[in-house]
Amino acid sequence: MTELWFGVFLVVGVAGVMVALGLLAHRLRRGSAGPAIGAAMAAYDQGMHVTAYDTFVETQEQSRRKVSIPAPGDR
């Protein structure tokens, strides 16, 4: 019987931790920490994955553009 309770407490505990981490991630994305985390990840990408950082910079520039630039060969 004690193994059953241990298993139940283990499953409930893991589920509780997952819910808490999900709520924390939601708060970080919606709050003022979201841009800071994005900048920190961009700095990491710049140091470790140069092509990923280039993609990040290009994505940011594309989101800032008001008029899209036509692709080569488009009329």
PDB file of N, CA and C in Angstrom:
ATOM      1  N   MET A   1       0.820  -1.197   0.000  1.00  0.00           N
ATOM      2  CA  MET A   1       0.000   0.000   0.000  1.00  0.00           C
ATOM      3  C   MET A   1       0.864   1.261   0.000  1.00  0.00           C
ATOM      4  N   THR A   2       2.012   1.202   0.681  1.00  0.00           N
ATOM      5  CA  THR A   2       2.870   2.387   0.722  1.00  0.00           C
ATOM      6  C   THR A   2       3.479   2.681  -0.645  1.00  0.00           C
ATOM      7  N   GLU A   3       3.723   1.617  -1.461  1.00  0.00           N
ATOM      8  CA  GLU A   3       4.253   1.860  -2.806  1.00  0.00           C
ATOM      9  C   GLU A   3       3.232   2.611  -3.658  1.00  0.00           C
ATOM     10  N   LEU A   4       1.958   2.321  -3.454  1.00  0.00           N
ATOM     11  CA  LEU A   4       0.905   3.004  -4.201  1.00  0.00           C
ATOM     12  C   LEU A   4       0.885   4.492  -3.851  1.00  0.00           C
ATOM     13  N   TRP A   5       0.948   4.803  -2.556  1.00  0.00           N
ATOM     14  CA  TRP A   5       0.939   6.209  -2.149  1.00  0.00           C
ATOM     15  C   TRP A   5       2.189   6.927  -2.622  1.00  0.00           C
ATOM     16  N   PHE A   6       3.315   6.228  -2.579  1.00  0.00           N
ATOM     17  CA  PHE A   6       4.549   6.836  -3.070  1.00  0.00           C
ATOM     18  C   PHE A   6       4.430   7.168  -4.551  1.00  0.00           C
ATOM     19  N   GLY A   7       3.873   6.261  -5.331  1.00  0.00           N
ATOM     20  CA  GLY A   7       3.680   6.494  -6.757  1.00  0.00           C
ATOM     21  C   GLY A   7       2.730   7.647  -7.019  1.00  0.00           C
ATOM     22  N   VAL A   8       1.652   7.721  -6.250  1.00  0.00           N
ATOM     23  CA  VAL A   8       0.680   8.805  -6.412  1.00  0.00           C
ATOM     24  C   VAL A   8       1.334  10.140  -6.078  1.00  0.00           C
ATOM     25  N   PHE A   9       2.053  10.194  -4.974  1.00  0.00           N
ATOM     26  CA  PHE A   9       2.726  11.438  -4.594  1.00  0.00           C
ATOM     27  C   PHE A   9       3.791  11.832  -5.624  1.00  0.00           C
ATOM     28  N   LEU A  10       4.469  10.857  -6.177  1.00  0.00           N
ATOM     29  CA  LEU A  10       5.485  11.140  -7.189  1.00  0.00           C
ATOM     30  C   LEU A  10       4.851  11.735  -8.444  1.00  0.00           C
ATOM     31  N   VAL A  11       3.765  11.136  -8.906  1.00  0.00           N
ATOM     32  CA  VAL A  11       3.090  11.642 -10.113  1.00  0.00           C
ATOM     33  C   VAL A  11       2.516  13.034  -9.862  1.00  0.00           C
ATOM     34  N   VAL A  12       1.877  13.231  -8.710  1.00  0.00           N
ATOM     35  CA  VAL A  12       1.307  14.542  -8.387  1.00  0.00           C
ATOM     36  C   VAL A  12       2.421  15.583  -8.239  1.00  0.00           C
ATOM     37  N   GLY A  13       3.524  15.208  -7.635  1.00  0.00           N
ATOM     38  CA  GLY A  13       4.644  16.138  -7.473  1.00  0.00           C
ATOM     39  C   GLY A  13       5.244  16.552  -8.800  1.00  0.00           C
ATOM     40  N   VAL A  14       5.455  15.597  -9.702  1.00  0.00           N
ATOM     41  CA  VAL A  14       6.013  15.921 -11.013  1.00  0.00           C
ATOM     42  C   VAL A  14       5.041  16.799 -11.792  1.00  0.00           C
ATOM     43  N   ALA A  15       3.745  16.483 -11.720  1.00  0.00           N
ATOM     44  CA  ALA A  15       2.738  17.302 -12.404  1.00  0.00           C
ATOM     45  C   ALA A  15       2.735  18.721 -11.829  1.00  0.00           C
ATOM     46  N   GLY A  16       2.864  18.852 -10.525  1.00  0.00           N
ATOM     47  CA  GLY A  16       2.906  20.171  -9.900  1.00  0.00           C
ATOM     48  C   GLY A  16       4.110  20.980 -10.346  1.00  0.00           C
ATOM     49  N   VAL A  17       5.257  20.344 -10.439  1.00  0.00           N
ATOM     50  CA  VAL A  17       6.464  21.034 -10.895  1.00  0.00           C
ATOM     51  C   VAL A  17       6.297  21.479 -12.344  1.00  0.00           C
ATOM     52  N   MET A  18       5.714  20.627 -13.181  1.00  0.00           N
ATOM     53  CA  MET A  18       5.511  20.986 -14.586  1.00  0.00           C
ATOM     54  C   MET A  18       4.551  22.171 -14.732  1.00  0.00           C
ATOM     55  N   VAL A  19       3.495  22.177 -13.938  1.00  0.00           N
ATOM     56  CA  VAL A  19       2.547  23.294 -13.971  1.00  0.00           C
ATOM     57  C   VAL A  19       3.237  24.576 -13.509  1.00  0.00           C
ATOM     58  N   ALA A  20       4.028  24.478 -12.437  1.00  0.00           N
ATOM     59  CA  ALA A  20       4.726  25.657 -11.927  1.00  0.00           C
ATOM     60  C   ALA A  20       5.711  26.199 -12.967  1.00  0.00           C
ATOM     61  N   LEU A  21       6.432  25.327 -13.639  1.00  0.00           N
ATOM     62  CA  LEU A  21       7.368  25.781 -14.671  1.00  0.00           C
ATOM     63  C   LEU A  21       6.634  26.391 -15.864  1.00  0.00           C
ATOM     64  N   GLY A  22       5.492  25.833 -16.214  1.00  0.00           N
ATOM     65  CA  GLY A  22       4.694  26.400 -17.299  1.00  0.00           C
ATOM     66  C   GLY A  22       4.187  27.789 -16.955  1.00  0.00           C
ATOM     67  N   LEU A  23       3.716  27.976 -15.730  1.00  0.00           N
ATOM     68  CA  LEU A  23       3.257  29.291 -15.298  1.00  0.00           C
ATOM     69  C   LEU A  23       4.410  30.291 -15.248  1.00  0.00           C
ATOM     70  N   LEU A  24       5.564  29.837 -14.804  1.00  0.00           N
ATOM     71  CA  LEU A  24       6.740  30.704 -14.773  1.00  0.00           C
ATOM     72  C   LEU A  24       7.143  31.124 -16.189  1.00  0.00           C
ATOM     73  N   ALA A  25       7.125  30.178 -17.124  1.00  0.00           N
ATOM     74  CA  ALA A  25       7.471  30.505 -18.509  1.00  0.00           C
ATOM     75  C   ALA A  25       6.464  31.493 -19.095  1.00  0.00           C
ATOM     76  N   HIS A  26       5.192  31.297 -18.797  1.00  0.00           N
ATOM     77  CA  HIS A  26       4.160  32.217 -19.286  1.00  0.00           C
ATOM     78  C   HIS A  26       4.380  33.623 -18.729  1.00  0.00           C
ATOM     79  N   ARG A  27       4.696  33.704 -17.450  1.00  0.00           N
ATOM     80  CA  ARG A  27       4.928  35.013 -16.832  1.00  0.00           C
ATOM     81  C   ARG A  27       6.161  35.694 -17.411  1.00  0.00           C
ATOM     82  N   LEU A  28       7.210  34.934 -17.649  1.00  0.00           N
ATOM     83  CA  LEU A  28       8.430  35.518 -18.210  1.00  0.00           C
ATOM     84  C   LEU A  28       8.218  36.005 -19.632  1.00  0.00           C
ATOM     85  N   ARG A  29       7.409  35.277 -20.407  1.00  0.00           N
ATOM     86  CA  ARG A  29       7.165  35.701 -21.784  1.00  0.00           C
ATOM     87  C   ARG A  29       6.289  36.937 -21.843  1.00  0.00           C
ATOM     88  N   ARG A  30       5.320  37.061 -20.938  1.00  0.00           N
ATOM     89  CA  ARG A  30       4.377  38.172 -20.979  1.00  0.00           C
ATOM     90  C   ARG A  30       4.878  39.405 -20.229  1.00  0.00           C
ATOM     91  N   GLY A  31       5.764  39.215 -19.296  1.00  0.00           N
ATOM     92  CA  GLY A  31       6.228  40.328 -18.473  1.00  0.00           C
ATOM     93  C   GLY A  31       7.388  41.059 -19.108  1.00  0.00           C
ATOM     94  N   SER A  32       8.050  41.848 -18.293  1.00  0.00           N
ATOM     95  CA  SER A  32       9.166  42.644 -18.787  1.00  0.00           C
ATOM     96  C   SER A  32      10.423  41.807 -18.990  1.00  0.00           C
ATOM     97  N   ALA A  33      10.430  40.578 -18.496  1.00  0.00           N
ATOM     98  CA  ALA A  33      11.614  39.743 -18.637  1.00  0.00           C
ATOM     99  C   ALA A  33      11.707  39.101 -20.018  1.00  0.00           C
ATOM    100  N   GLY A  34      10.626  39.106 -20.783  1.00  0.00           N
ATOM    101  CA  GLY A  34      10.621  38.476 -22.100  1.00  0.00           C
ATOM    102  C   GLY A  34      11.681  39.034 -23.033  1.00  0.00           C
ATOM    103  N   PRO A  35      11.727  40.349 -23.230  1.00  0.00           N
ATOM    104  CA  PRO A  35      12.776  40.907 -24.095  1.00  0.00           C
ATOM    105  C   PRO A  35      14.178  40.664 -23.550  1.00  0.00           C
ATOM    106  N   ALA A  36      14.323  40.663 -22.245  1.00  0.00           N
ATOM    107  CA  ALA A  36      15.644  40.427 -21.656  1.00  0.00           C
ATOM    108  C   ALA A  36      16.113  38.999 -21.925  1.00  0.00           C
ATOM    109  N   ILE A  37      15.190  38.050 -21.813  1.00  0.00           N
ATOM    110  CA  ILE A  37      15.550  36.662 -22.086  1.00  0.00           C
ATOM    111  C   ILE A  37      15.862  36.498 -23.571  1.00  0.00           C
ATOM    112  N   GLY A  38      15.093  37.176 -24.435  1.00  0.00           N
ATOM    113  CA  GLY A  38      15.376  37.119 -25.866  1.00  0.00           C
ATOM    114  C   GLY A  38      16.747  37.681 -26.188  1.00  0.00           C
ATOM    115  N   ALA A  39      17.116  38.768 -25.541  1.00  0.00           N
ATOM    116  CA  ALA A  39      18.435  39.357 -25.771  1.00  0.00           C
ATOM    117  C   ALA A  39      19.544  38.453 -25.246  1.00  0.00           C
ATOM    118  N   ALA A  40      19.311  37.822 -24.108  1.00  0.00           N
ATOM    119  CA  ALA A  40      20.317  36.900 -23.559  1.00  0.00           C
ATOM    120  C   ALA A  40      20.515  35.704 -24.479  1.00  0.00           C
ATOM    121  N   MET A  41      19.422  35.174 -25.021  1.00  0.00           N
ATOM    122  CA  MET A  41      19.545  34.053 -25.938  1.00  0.00           C
ATOM    123  C   MET A  41      20.219  34.474 -27.242  1.00  0.00           C
ATOM    124  N   ALA A  42      19.970  35.711 -27.681  1.00  0.00           N
ATOM    125  CA  ALA A  42      20.633  36.212 -28.886  1.00  0.00           C
ATOM    126  C   ALA A  42      22.139  36.331 -28.647  1.00  0.00           C
ATOM    127  N   ALA A  43      22.527  36.779 -27.460  1.00  0.00           N
ATOM    128  CA  ALA A  43      23.956  36.880 -27.142  1.00  0.00           C
ATOM    129  C   ALA A  43      24.598  35.495 -27.114  1.00  0.00           C
ATOM    130  N   TYR A  44      23.890  34.527 -26.564  1.00  0.00           N
ATOM    131  CA  TYR A  44      24.395  33.146 -26.548  1.00  0.00           C
ATOM    132  C   TYR A  44      24.527  32.630 -27.976  1.00  0.00           C
ATOM    133  N   ASP A  45      23.511  32.875 -28.809  1.00  0.00           N
ATOM    134  CA  ASP A  45      23.563  32.423 -30.186  1.00  0.00           C
ATOM    135  C   ASP A  45      24.703  33.078 -30.944  1.00  0.00           C
ATOM    136  N   GLN A  46      24.964  34.344 -30.652  1.00  0.00           N
ATOM    137  CA  GLN A  46      26.056  35.027 -31.329  1.00  0.00           C
ATOM    138  C   GLN A  46      27.389  34.366 -31.000  1.00  0.00           C
ATOM    139  N   GLY A  47      27.551  33.959 -29.766  1.00  0.00           N
ATOM    140  CA  GLY A  47      28.813  33.348 -29.362  1.00  0.00           C
ATOM    141  C   GLY A  47      28.966  31.909 -29.787  1.00  0.00           C
ATOM    142  N   MET A  48      27.872  31.146 -29.748  1.00  0.00           N
ATOM    143  CA  MET A  48      27.965  29.709 -29.989  1.00  0.00           C
ATOM    144  C   MET A  48      27.511  29.275 -31.379  1.00  0.00           C
ATOM    145  N   HIS A  49      26.525  29.963 -31.913  1.00  0.00           N
ATOM    146  CA  HIS A  49      25.951  29.570 -33.201  1.00  0.00           C
ATOM    147  C   HIS A  49      25.845  30.820 -34.072  1.00  0.00           C
ATOM    148  N   VAL A  50      26.884  31.090 -34.814  1.00  0.00           N
ATOM    149  CA  VAL A  50      26.952  32.339 -35.566  1.00  0.00           C
ATOM    150  C   VAL A  50      25.826  32.429 -36.588  1.00  0.00           C
ATOM    151  N   THR A  51      25.516  31.347 -37.266  1.00  0.00           N
ATOM    152  CA  THR A  51      24.455  31.404 -38.273  1.00  0.00           C
ATOM    153  C   THR A  51      23.092  31.604 -37.623  1.00  0.00           C
ATOM    154  N   ALA A  52      22.880  31.087 -36.415  1.00  0.00           N
ATOM    155  CA  ALA A  52      21.605  31.301 -35.720  1.00  0.00           C
ATOM    156  C   ALA A  52      21.452  32.763 -35.342  1.00  0.00           C
ATOM    157  N   TYR A  53      22.532  33.404 -34.946  1.00  0.00           N
ATOM    158  CA  TYR A  53      22.465  34.829 -34.614  1.00  0.00           C
ATOM    159  C   TYR A  53      22.155  35.658 -35.854  1.00  0.00           C
ATOM    160  N   ASP A  54      22.769  35.301 -36.975  1.00  0.00           N
ATOM    161  CA  ASP A  54      22.483  36.018 -38.225  1.00  0.00           C
ATOM    162  C   ASP A  54      21.005  35.886 -38.581  1.00  0.00           C
ATOM    163  N   THR A  55      20.451  34.709 -38.380  1.00  0.00           N
ATOM    164  CA  THR A  55      19.026  34.494 -38.645  1.00  0.00           C
ATOM    165  C   THR A  55      18.177  35.322 -37.696  1.00  0.00           C
ATOM    166  N   PHE A  56      18.568  35.418 -36.435  1.00  0.00           N
ATOM    167  CA  PHE A  56      17.843  36.221 -35.457  1.00  0.00           C
ATOM    168  C   PHE A  56      17.831  37.692 -35.867  1.00  0.00           C
ATOM    169  N   VAL A  57      18.980  38.200 -36.288  1.00  0.00           N
ATOM    170  CA  VAL A  57      19.072  39.603 -36.700  1.00  0.00           C
ATOM    171  C   VAL A  57      18.200  39.841 -37.922  1.00  0.00           C
ATOM    172  N   GLU A  58      18.240  38.940 -38.879  1.00  0.00           N
ATOM    173  CA  GLU A  58      17.426  39.101 -40.085  1.00  0.00           C
ATOM    174  C   GLU A  58      15.938  39.047 -39.761  1.00  0.00           C
ATOM    175  N   THR A  59      15.546  38.166 -38.864  1.00  0.00           N
ATOM    176  CA  THR A  59      14.141  38.077 -38.457  1.00  0.00           C
ATOM    177  C   THR A  59      13.693  39.360 -37.776  1.00  0.00           C
ATOM    178  N   GLN A  60      14.531  39.929 -36.927  1.00  0.00           N
ATOM    179  CA  GLN A  60      14.186  41.183 -36.265  1.00  0.00           C
ATOM    180  C   GLN A  60      14.034  42.310 -37.287  1.00  0.00           C
ATOM    181  N   GLU A  61      14.923  42.370 -38.260  1.00  0.00           N
ATOM    182  CA  GLU A  61      14.839  43.403 -39.284  1.00  0.00           C
ATOM    183  C   GLU A  61      13.595  43.229 -40.149  1.00  0.00           C
ATOM    184  N   GLN A  62      13.239  41.997 -40.455  1.00  0.00           N
ATOM    185  CA  GLN A  62      12.034  41.758 -41.243  1.00  0.00           C
ATOM    186  C   GLN A  62      10.790  42.192 -40.491  1.00  0.00           C
ATOM    187  N   SER A  63      10.769  42.001 -39.193  1.00  0.00           N
ATOM    188  CA  SER A  63       9.598  42.401 -38.425  1.00  0.00           C
ATOM    189  C   SER A  63       9.500  43.920 -38.300  1.00  0.00           C
ATOM    190  N   ARG A  64      10.600  44.636 -38.424  1.00  0.00           N
ATOM    191  CA  ARG A  64      10.590  46.096 -38.329  1.00  0.00           C
ATOM    192  C   ARG A  64      10.213  46.773 -39.646  1.00  0.00           C
ATOM    193  N   ARG A  65      10.378  46.063 -40.751  1.00  0.00           N
ATOM    194  CA  ARG A  65      10.090  46.657 -42.057  1.00  0.00           C
ATOM    195  C   ARG A  65       8.593  46.880 -42.224  1.00  0.00           C
ATOM    196  N   LYS A  66       8.257  48.014 -42.827  1.00  0.00           N
ATOM    197  CA  LYS A  66       6.849  48.287 -43.112  1.00  0.00           C
ATOM    198  C   LYS A  66       6.482  47.784 -44.500  1.00  0.00           C
ATOM    199  N   VAL A  67       7.410  47.885 -45.427  1.00  0.00           N
ATOM    200  CA  VAL A  67       7.187  47.415 -46.786  1.00  0.00           C
ATOM    201  C   VAL A  67       8.142  46.261 -47.034  1.00  0.00           C
ATOM    202  N   SER A  68       7.609  45.147 -47.498  1.00  0.00           N
ATOM    203  CA  SER A  68       8.479  44.001 -47.729  1.00  0.00           C
ATOM    204  C   SER A  68       9.327  44.235 -48.976  1.00  0.00           C
ATOM    205  N   ILE A  69      10.514  43.752 -48.939  1.00  0.00           N
ATOM    206  CA  ILE A  69      11.437  43.876 -50.064  1.00  0.00           C
ATOM    207  C   ILE A  69      11.171  42.699 -51.000  1.00  0.00           C
ATOM    208  N   PRO A  70      10.967  42.972 -52.288  1.00  0.00           N
ATOM    209  CA  PRO A  70      10.693  41.871 -53.211  1.00  0.00           C
ATOM    210  C   PRO A  70      11.907  40.958 -53.376  1.00  0.00           C
ATOM    211  N   ALA A  71      11.623  39.719 -53.615  1.00  0.00           N
ATOM    212  CA  ALA A  71      12.685  38.744 -53.835  1.00  0.00           C
ATOM    213  C   ALA A  71      13.324  38.995 -55.196  1.00  0.00           C
ATOM    214  N   PRO A  72      14.566  38.599 -55.380  1.00  0.00           N
ATOM    215  CA  PRO A  72      15.213  38.759 -56.684  1.00  0.00           C
ATOM    216  C   PRO A  72      14.424  38.011 -57.753  1.00  0.00           C
ATOM    217  N   GLY A  73      14.160  38.673 -58.866  1.00  0.00           N
ATOM    218  CA  GLY A  73      13.425  38.051 -59.947  1.00  0.00           C
ATOM    219  C   GLY A  73      11.946  38.351 -59.924  1.00  0.00           C
ATOM    220  N   ASP A  74      11.412  38.877 -58.817  1.00  0.00           N
ATOM    221  CA  ASP A  74       9.995  39.257 -58.746  1.00  0.00           C
ATOM    222  C   ASP A  74       9.793  40.583 -59.450  1.00  0.00           C
ATOM    223  N   ARG A  75       8.615  40.735 -60.013  1.00  0.00           N
ATOM    224  CA  ARG A  75       8.307  42.001 -60.705  1.00  0.00           C
ATOM    225  C   ARG A  75       7.236  42.725 -59.970  1.00  0.00           C
TER     226      ARG A  75
END
